[in-house]
Every structure is written in structure tokens, then in C-alpha cells.
Amino acid sequence: MENKVCGELKKKALLAKQRLKLGYWEQLRAERERLLKSAGESDSVKHKVSELQRAKFSREMNSVVNIENAGRDEQMYKKVCEILDSDEDVVNPIGRLMDKSYYSGLDDGGKQRYILELSKKFNDLKERYYKERLGKTC
């Protein structure tokens, strides 16, 4: 367990060093200034831009440290974007996201848990979708 924690810490330190070398923080600052210029510099806009950048940074860190889960989340996010970008009223977004072969192998309690987890994930990804769209339109 200690080696795993040390390995993750080492990976995070290397990523931080890489971000410094590649000018990640300067790019982030420039993006923030661009968003604030186009949307105005009110406190609510500043808060939303900060929240958007924090979420983006957190996602990037998670995707590097936990590659397998991040890949699944990004695939699901693409599906959520397709659902929300379509002009039709979607009655069953959870059904579209569901892995039907996995679902059919679950018992009743597992099916309920899977649906609840999937709906929570859908709501989180929907919130991310609208936050990112806000950032792009500003």
C-alpha cells in the first residue's frame, strides 16, 4: 500500500514539474483573462471561470493518475454530449448510457445500484457539459 501511495505521489510530482516546464500555468492564466474579457469581470463570472478551470485541472489529474476509470468516464461523457447536443427530447438517457450485457448479469439489488450510480454519473457529466459550454460561449 505504501509503495502505491509513493508511486502516485511521485507521478503527481513529475506531472507538476512537467506542467511548469510546458507553461501550463501561463496558458491557464491567459485563458482566464480571455474568458474574463469576453464575459465581463463581475464576481460571479470570476467565480464560474475559476470553478471551470479547477474542474478541468482536477479531471486532467484524475485522467493521468487513474487512466482506466478516466477513459470510461470520457467515453461516457462523449455519449452524454451526443445526447445533449441532439435536438430531440430524450426520454431515456440512462438507457442509452447503460451497458446492457453488464446489466443483464446483475441481481435485482445490483441492477438498482447500477441504475442509481449511472444516474448520478449522468447528472455529474450533464453539469460538466453545461459548465464547459458556458466557458466556450463566454
N, C-alpha and C. Protein backbone atom coordinates (compact mmCIF):
# COMPACT_ATOMS: atom_id res chain seq x y z
N MET A 1 0.83 -1.20 0.00
CA MET A 1 0.00 0.00 0.00
C MET A 1 0.87 1.25 0.00
N GLU A 2 1.93 1.25 0.79
CA GLU A 2 2.80 2.40 0.88
C GLU A 2 3.50 2.67 -0.45
N ASN A 3 3.91 1.61 -1.16
CA ASN A 3 4.54 1.78 -2.47
C ASN A 3 3.58 2.41 -3.47
N LYS A 4 2.30 2.02 -3.40
CA LYS A 4 1.30 2.57 -4.31
C LYS A 4 1.14 4.06 -4.05
N VAL A 5 1.06 4.45 -2.79
CA VAL A 5 0.93 5.87 -2.44
C VAL A 5 2.17 6.64 -2.87
N CYS A 6 3.33 6.06 -2.64
CA CYS A 6 4.59 6.70 -3.03
C CYS A 6 4.66 6.83 -4.54
N GLY A 7 4.22 5.78 -5.27
CA GLY A 7 4.22 5.82 -6.72
C GLY A 7 3.30 6.89 -7.26
N GLU A 8 2.12 7.02 -6.66
CA GLU A 8 1.19 8.06 -7.10
C GLU A 8 1.73 9.45 -6.79
N LEU A 9 2.34 9.60 -5.62
CA LEU A 9 2.93 10.88 -5.25
C LEU A 9 4.05 11.26 -6.21
N LYS A 10 4.86 10.29 -6.54
CA LYS A 10 5.96 10.52 -7.48
C LYS A 10 5.41 10.93 -8.84
N LYS A 11 4.36 10.25 -9.28
CA LYS A 11 3.75 10.57 -10.58
C LYS A 11 3.18 11.99 -10.57
N LYS A 12 2.54 12.36 -9.46
CA LYS A 12 1.98 13.72 -9.36
C LYS A 12 3.08 14.77 -9.37
N ALA A 13 4.20 14.48 -8.70
CA ALA A 13 5.32 15.42 -8.68
C ALA A 13 5.92 15.58 -10.07
N LEU A 14 6.06 14.49 -10.79
CA LEU A 14 6.58 14.58 -12.16
C LEU A 14 5.64 15.37 -13.06
N LEU A 15 4.34 15.18 -12.87
CA LEU A 15 3.36 15.92 -13.66
C LEU A 15 3.41 17.42 -13.35
N ALA A 16 3.59 17.74 -12.08
CA ALA A 16 3.69 19.16 -11.69
C ALA A 16 4.92 19.79 -12.33
N LYS A 17 6.02 19.07 -12.33
CA LYS A 17 7.25 19.58 -12.95
C LYS A 17 7.05 19.76 -14.46
N GLN A 18 6.37 18.82 -15.07
CA GLN A 18 6.10 18.91 -16.50
C GLN A 18 5.20 20.11 -16.81
N ARG A 19 4.21 20.34 -15.98
CA ARG A 19 3.33 21.50 -16.19
C ARG A 19 4.12 22.81 -16.13
N LEU A 20 5.05 22.88 -15.19
CA LEU A 20 5.87 24.09 -15.08
C LEU A 20 6.72 24.28 -16.33
N LYS A 21 7.34 23.20 -16.80
CA LYS A 21 8.21 23.28 -17.97
C LYS A 21 7.45 23.68 -19.22
N LEU A 22 6.23 23.17 -19.38
CA LEU A 22 5.46 23.41 -20.59
C LEU A 22 4.64 24.69 -20.55
N GLY A 23 4.70 25.41 -19.45
CA GLY A 23 3.99 26.68 -19.34
C GLY A 23 2.49 26.52 -19.15
N TYR A 24 2.10 25.45 -18.50
CA TYR A 24 0.68 25.17 -18.29
C TYR A 24 0.01 26.30 -17.54
N TRP A 25 0.65 26.81 -16.50
CA TRP A 25 0.02 27.83 -15.66
C TRP A 25 -0.10 29.16 -16.40
N GLU A 26 0.85 29.46 -17.28
CA GLU A 26 0.74 30.68 -18.08
C GLU A 26 -0.42 30.56 -19.07
N GLN A 27 -0.57 29.37 -19.66
CA GLN A 27 -1.69 29.15 -20.58
C GLN A 27 -3.03 29.28 -19.84
N LEU A 28 -3.08 28.74 -18.64
CA LEU A 28 -4.29 28.81 -17.84
C LEU A 28 -4.63 30.25 -17.49
N ARG A 29 -3.61 31.03 -17.14
CA ARG A 29 -3.82 32.44 -16.82
C ARG A 29 -4.31 33.20 -18.04
N ALA A 30 -3.71 32.93 -19.21
CA ALA A 30 -4.13 33.61 -20.44
C ALA A 30 -5.57 33.24 -20.81
N GLU A 31 -5.92 31.97 -20.63
CA GLU A 31 -7.29 31.54 -20.91
C GLU A 31 -8.27 32.23 -19.96
N ARG A 32 -7.88 32.35 -18.71
CA ARG A 32 -8.73 33.01 -17.72
C ARG A 32 -8.96 34.47 -18.10
N GLU A 33 -7.88 35.16 -18.49
CA GLU A 33 -8.00 36.56 -18.88
C GLU A 33 -8.89 36.72 -20.12
N ARG A 34 -8.75 35.79 -21.08
CA ARG A 34 -9.56 35.84 -22.29
C ARG A 34 -11.04 35.67 -21.96
N LEU A 35 -11.34 34.69 -21.08
CA LEU A 35 -12.73 34.45 -20.69
C LEU A 35 -13.30 35.64 -19.93
N LEU A 36 -12.51 36.22 -19.06
CA LEU A 36 -12.99 37.36 -18.28
C LEU A 36 -13.21 38.59 -19.16
N LYS A 37 -12.35 38.80 -20.16
CA LYS A 37 -12.54 39.93 -21.07
C LYS A 37 -13.83 39.80 -21.85
N SER A 38 -14.10 38.60 -22.33
CA SER A 38 -15.28 38.42 -23.18
C SER A 38 -16.57 38.38 -22.38
N ALA A 39 -16.52 37.98 -21.10
CA ALA A 39 -17.75 37.84 -20.32
C ALA A 39 -17.93 38.94 -19.29
N GLY A 40 -16.95 39.77 -19.11
CA GLY A 40 -17.03 40.79 -18.08
C GLY A 40 -16.33 40.31 -16.83
N GLU A 41 -16.04 41.24 -15.95
CA GLU A 41 -15.25 40.87 -14.77
C GLU A 41 -16.05 40.97 -13.48
N SER A 42 -17.29 40.55 -13.53
CA SER A 42 -18.09 40.55 -12.30
C SER A 42 -17.64 39.39 -11.42
N ASP A 43 -17.99 39.46 -10.14
CA ASP A 43 -17.57 38.44 -9.20
C ASP A 43 -18.15 37.07 -9.55
N SER A 44 -19.39 37.04 -10.02
CA SER A 44 -20.00 35.75 -10.36
C SER A 44 -19.30 35.11 -11.56
N VAL A 45 -18.91 35.92 -12.54
CA VAL A 45 -18.20 35.39 -13.71
C VAL A 45 -16.82 34.89 -13.30
N LYS A 46 -16.14 35.66 -12.44
CA LYS A 46 -14.83 35.22 -11.96
C LYS A 46 -14.93 33.89 -11.23
N HIS A 47 -15.96 33.76 -10.43
CA HIS A 47 -16.16 32.51 -9.68
C HIS A 47 -16.42 31.35 -10.63
N LYS A 48 -17.26 31.56 -11.65
CA LYS A 48 -17.57 30.50 -12.60
C LYS A 48 -16.35 30.10 -13.41
N VAL A 49 -15.54 31.06 -13.81
CA VAL A 49 -14.33 30.77 -14.58
C VAL A 49 -13.35 29.98 -13.70
N SER A 50 -13.20 30.39 -12.45
CA SER A 50 -12.31 29.67 -11.53
C SER A 50 -12.79 28.24 -11.32
N GLU A 51 -14.08 28.08 -11.15
CA GLU A 51 -14.66 26.75 -10.94
C GLU A 51 -14.46 25.87 -12.17
N LEU A 52 -14.63 26.45 -13.35
CA LEU A 52 -14.43 25.72 -14.60
C LEU A 52 -12.98 25.26 -14.74
N GLN A 53 -12.04 26.15 -14.44
CA GLN A 53 -10.63 25.80 -14.55
C GLN A 53 -10.23 24.78 -13.48
N ARG A 54 -10.77 24.90 -12.29
CA ARG A 54 -10.48 23.93 -11.24
C ARG A 54 -10.97 22.53 -11.63
N ALA A 55 -12.17 22.48 -12.19
CA ALA A 55 -12.73 21.20 -12.62
C ALA A 55 -11.89 20.59 -13.75
N LYS A 56 -11.45 21.43 -14.68
CA LYS A 56 -10.62 20.95 -15.78
C LYS A 56 -9.30 20.39 -15.25
N PHE A 57 -8.67 21.10 -14.33
CA PHE A 57 -7.41 20.64 -13.75
C PHE A 57 -7.61 19.33 -13.01
N SER A 58 -8.67 19.25 -12.24
CA SER A 58 -8.97 18.03 -11.48
C SER A 58 -9.17 16.84 -12.41
N ARG A 59 -9.89 17.06 -13.51
CA ARG A 59 -10.12 16.00 -14.48
C ARG A 59 -8.82 15.54 -15.12
N GLU A 60 -7.98 16.50 -15.46
CA GLU A 60 -6.69 16.16 -16.08
C GLU A 60 -5.83 15.34 -15.12
N MET A 61 -5.80 15.74 -13.85
CA MET A 61 -5.02 14.99 -12.87
C MET A 61 -5.59 13.58 -12.69
N ASN A 62 -6.89 13.47 -12.61
CA ASN A 62 -7.53 12.17 -12.43
C ASN A 62 -7.28 11.27 -13.63
N SER A 63 -7.29 11.85 -14.82
CA SER A 63 -7.11 11.03 -16.01
C SER A 63 -5.69 10.48 -16.09
N VAL A 64 -4.72 11.19 -15.56
CA VAL A 64 -3.34 10.70 -15.61
C VAL A 64 -3.10 9.68 -14.51
N VAL A 65 -3.60 9.93 -13.32
CA VAL A 65 -3.35 9.05 -12.19
C VAL A 65 -4.20 7.78 -12.29
N ASN A 66 -5.44 7.91 -12.72
CA ASN A 66 -6.36 6.79 -12.77
C ASN A 66 -6.84 6.61 -14.22
N ILE A 67 -5.96 6.11 -15.07
CA ILE A 67 -6.18 6.09 -16.51
C ILE A 67 -7.40 5.26 -16.90
N GLU A 68 -7.57 4.09 -16.31
CA GLU A 68 -8.66 3.19 -16.72
C GLU A 68 -10.03 3.82 -16.47
N ASN A 69 -10.26 4.30 -15.26
CA ASN A 69 -11.56 4.92 -14.94
C ASN A 69 -11.79 6.20 -15.72
N ALA A 70 -10.73 6.97 -15.92
CA ALA A 70 -10.87 8.22 -16.66
C ALA A 70 -11.26 7.95 -18.10
N GLY A 71 -10.72 6.90 -18.69
CA GLY A 71 -11.09 6.54 -20.06
C GLY A 71 -12.56 6.20 -20.17
N ARG A 72 -13.08 5.45 -19.21
CA ARG A 72 -14.51 5.11 -19.20
C ARG A 72 -15.35 6.36 -19.01
N ASP A 73 -14.91 7.23 -18.11
CA ASP A 73 -15.66 8.47 -17.87
C ASP A 73 -15.69 9.35 -19.12
N GLU A 74 -14.58 9.44 -19.82
CA GLU A 74 -14.53 10.26 -21.03
C GLU A 74 -15.40 9.68 -22.13
N GLN A 75 -15.43 8.35 -22.24
CA GLN A 75 -16.32 7.72 -23.23
C GLN A 75 -17.78 8.02 -22.88
N MET A 76 -18.10 7.92 -21.60
CA MET A 76 -19.46 8.21 -21.17
C MET A 76 -19.78 9.69 -21.39
N TYR A 77 -18.80 10.56 -21.16
CA TYR A 77 -19.01 11.99 -21.36
C TYR A 77 -19.31 12.28 -22.83
N LYS A 78 -18.63 11.58 -23.74
CA LYS A 78 -18.91 11.77 -25.17
C LYS A 78 -20.35 11.38 -25.49
N LYS A 79 -20.81 10.29 -24.88
CA LYS A 79 -22.20 9.87 -25.10
C LYS A 79 -23.17 10.91 -24.55
N VAL A 80 -22.86 11.45 -23.36
CA VAL A 80 -23.71 12.48 -22.76
C VAL A 80 -23.75 13.72 -23.66
N CYS A 81 -22.61 14.10 -24.21
CA CYS A 81 -22.57 15.25 -25.12
C CYS A 81 -23.43 14.99 -26.35
N GLU A 82 -23.36 13.79 -26.89
CA GLU A 82 -24.19 13.45 -28.06
C GLU A 82 -25.67 13.55 -27.70
N ILE A 83 -26.02 13.04 -26.53
CA ILE A 83 -27.43 13.09 -26.10
C ILE A 83 -27.89 14.53 -25.94
N LEU A 84 -27.08 15.36 -25.29
CA LEU A 84 -27.48 16.74 -25.02
C LEU A 84 -27.38 17.63 -26.25
N ASP A 85 -26.48 17.29 -27.19
CA ASP A 85 -26.35 18.07 -28.41
C ASP A 85 -27.48 17.80 -29.40
N SER A 86 -28.08 16.61 -29.30
CA SER A 86 -29.17 16.29 -30.23
C SER A 86 -30.37 17.18 -29.91
N ASP A 87 -31.12 17.51 -30.95
CA ASP A 87 -32.25 18.41 -30.78
C ASP A 87 -33.51 17.71 -30.28
N GLU A 88 -33.46 16.40 -30.19
CA GLU A 88 -34.64 15.65 -29.77
C GLU A 88 -34.76 15.61 -28.25
N ASP A 89 -35.97 15.40 -27.78
CA ASP A 89 -36.20 15.21 -26.34
C ASP A 89 -35.91 13.75 -26.03
N VAL A 90 -34.91 13.53 -25.21
CA VAL A 90 -34.51 12.16 -24.87
C VAL A 90 -35.26 11.73 -23.62
N VAL A 91 -36.03 10.66 -23.75
CA VAL A 91 -36.84 10.17 -22.64
C VAL A 91 -36.03 9.26 -21.73
N ASN A 92 -35.07 8.53 -22.30
CA ASN A 92 -34.33 7.54 -21.51
C ASN A 92 -32.81 7.69 -21.67
N PRO A 93 -32.23 8.79 -21.17
CA PRO A 93 -30.77 8.95 -21.32
C PRO A 93 -29.99 7.87 -20.57
N ILE A 94 -30.51 7.39 -19.45
CA ILE A 94 -29.82 6.35 -18.68
C ILE A 94 -29.79 5.06 -19.50
N GLY A 95 -30.87 4.76 -20.19
CA GLY A 95 -30.92 3.58 -21.04
C GLY A 95 -29.90 3.63 -22.16
N ARG A 96 -29.63 4.83 -22.67
CA ARG A 96 -28.62 4.98 -23.72
C ARG A 96 -27.21 4.80 -23.18
N LEU A 97 -27.00 5.15 -21.93
CA LEU A 97 -25.66 5.03 -21.34
C LEU A 97 -25.39 3.64 -20.79
N MET A 98 -26.42 2.89 -20.57
CA MET A 98 -26.33 1.60 -19.89
C MET A 98 -25.57 0.56 -20.73
N ASP A 99 -24.74 -0.22 -20.05
CA ASP A 99 -24.09 -1.40 -20.64
C ASP A 99 -25.05 -2.56 -20.42
N LYS A 100 -25.80 -2.89 -21.46
CA LYS A 100 -26.89 -3.85 -21.31
C LYS A 100 -26.41 -5.26 -20.97
N SER A 101 -25.26 -5.66 -21.48
CA SER A 101 -24.76 -7.00 -21.16
C SER A 101 -24.34 -7.08 -19.68
N TYR A 102 -23.74 -6.02 -19.17
CA TYR A 102 -23.37 -5.98 -17.76
C TYR A 102 -24.62 -5.97 -16.89
N TYR A 103 -25.60 -5.15 -17.28
CA TYR A 103 -26.84 -5.00 -16.53
C TYR A 103 -27.60 -6.33 -16.44
N SER A 104 -27.65 -7.07 -17.52
CA SER A 104 -28.42 -8.32 -17.53
C SER A 104 -27.80 -9.37 -16.61
N GLY A 105 -26.52 -9.26 -16.30
CA GLY A 105 -25.86 -10.22 -15.42
C GLY A 105 -25.99 -9.90 -13.94
N LEU A 106 -26.64 -8.80 -13.59
CA LEU A 106 -26.75 -8.38 -12.20
C LEU A 106 -28.02 -8.94 -11.56
N ASP A 107 -27.98 -9.07 -10.22
CA ASP A 107 -29.20 -9.43 -9.50
C ASP A 107 -30.04 -8.16 -9.31
N ASP A 108 -31.21 -8.27 -8.70
CA ASP A 108 -32.11 -7.12 -8.57
C ASP A 108 -31.48 -5.96 -7.81
N GLY A 109 -30.81 -6.25 -6.71
CA GLY A 109 -30.16 -5.19 -5.94
C GLY A 109 -29.03 -4.54 -6.74
N GLY A 110 -28.28 -5.36 -7.45
CA GLY A 110 -27.20 -4.84 -8.28
C GLY A 110 -27.72 -3.96 -9.40
N LYS A 111 -28.87 -4.34 -9.97
CA LYS A 111 -29.47 -3.54 -11.03
C LYS A 111 -29.89 -2.17 -10.51
N GLN A 112 -30.49 -2.15 -9.33
CA GLN A 112 -30.90 -0.88 -8.74
C GLN A 112 -29.68 0.01 -8.45
N ARG A 113 -28.66 -0.60 -7.89
CA ARG A 113 -27.44 0.15 -7.56
C ARG A 113 -26.80 0.70 -8.84
N TYR A 114 -26.76 -0.14 -9.89
CA TYR A 114 -26.17 0.28 -11.17
C TYR A 114 -26.94 1.46 -11.76
N ILE A 115 -28.26 1.41 -11.73
CA ILE A 115 -29.09 2.50 -12.26
C ILE A 115 -28.85 3.78 -11.46
N LEU A 116 -28.79 3.68 -10.14
CA LEU A 116 -28.56 4.86 -9.30
C LEU A 116 -27.18 5.46 -9.56
N GLU A 117 -26.16 4.60 -9.67
CA GLU A 117 -24.81 5.10 -9.94
C GLU A 117 -24.74 5.75 -11.32
N LEU A 118 -25.40 5.14 -12.28
CA LEU A 118 -25.42 5.66 -13.64
C LEU A 118 -26.15 7.01 -13.70
N SER A 119 -27.24 7.13 -12.97
CA SER A 119 -27.97 8.40 -12.97
C SER A 119 -27.16 9.49 -12.28
N LYS A 120 -26.46 9.15 -11.21
CA LYS A 120 -25.57 10.13 -10.54
C LYS A 120 -24.47 10.57 -11.50
N LYS A 121 -23.87 9.61 -12.20
CA LYS A 121 -22.81 9.91 -13.15
C LYS A 121 -23.35 10.78 -14.29
N PHE A 122 -24.56 10.47 -14.77
CA PHE A 122 -25.17 11.26 -15.84
C PHE A 122 -25.38 12.70 -15.38
N ASN A 123 -25.89 12.89 -14.16
CA ASN A 123 -26.10 14.25 -13.65
C ASN A 123 -24.79 15.01 -13.52
N ASP A 124 -23.74 14.34 -13.04
CA ASP A 124 -22.42 14.98 -12.92
C ASP A 124 -21.89 15.38 -14.29
N LEU A 125 -22.01 14.47 -15.26
CA LEU A 125 -21.50 14.76 -16.60
C LEU A 125 -22.35 15.82 -17.30
N LYS A 126 -23.64 15.84 -17.03
CA LYS A 126 -24.50 16.88 -17.60
C LYS A 126 -24.11 18.25 -17.05
N GLU A 127 -23.82 18.30 -15.76
CA GLU A 127 -23.37 19.56 -15.15
C GLU A 127 -22.05 20.00 -15.76
N ARG A 128 -21.13 19.06 -15.97
CA ARG A 128 -19.84 19.36 -16.61
C ARG A 128 -20.08 19.89 -18.03
N TYR A 129 -20.99 19.27 -18.75
CA TYR A 129 -21.31 19.68 -20.13
C TYR A 129 -21.74 21.15 -20.14
N TYR A 130 -22.67 21.50 -19.27
CA TYR A 130 -23.18 22.88 -19.28
C TYR A 130 -22.12 23.87 -18.80
N LYS A 131 -21.29 23.47 -17.86
CA LYS A 131 -20.20 24.36 -17.42
C LYS A 131 -19.21 24.61 -18.55
N GLU A 132 -18.86 23.54 -19.29
CA GLU A 132 -17.91 23.70 -20.38
C GLU A 132 -18.52 24.50 -21.51
N ARG A 133 -19.79 24.35 -21.77
CA ARG A 133 -20.46 25.14 -22.81
C ARG A 133 -20.48 26.60 -22.40
N LEU A 134 -20.66 26.86 -21.11
CA LEU A 134 -20.61 28.23 -20.61
C LEU A 134 -19.24 28.83 -20.89
N GLY A 135 -18.20 28.06 -20.63
CA GLY A 135 -16.84 28.53 -20.87
C GLY A 135 -16.56 28.81 -22.32
N LYS A 136 -17.15 28.04 -23.23
CA LYS A 136 -16.90 28.21 -24.65
C LYS A 136 -17.69 29.38 -25.23
N THR A 137 -18.83 29.68 -24.65
CA THR A 137 -19.65 30.75 -25.19
C THR A 137 -19.28 32.10 -24.62
N CYS A 138 -18.55 32.15 -23.53
CA CYS A 138 -18.17 33.43 -22.91
C CYS A 138 -17.19 34.20 -23.78
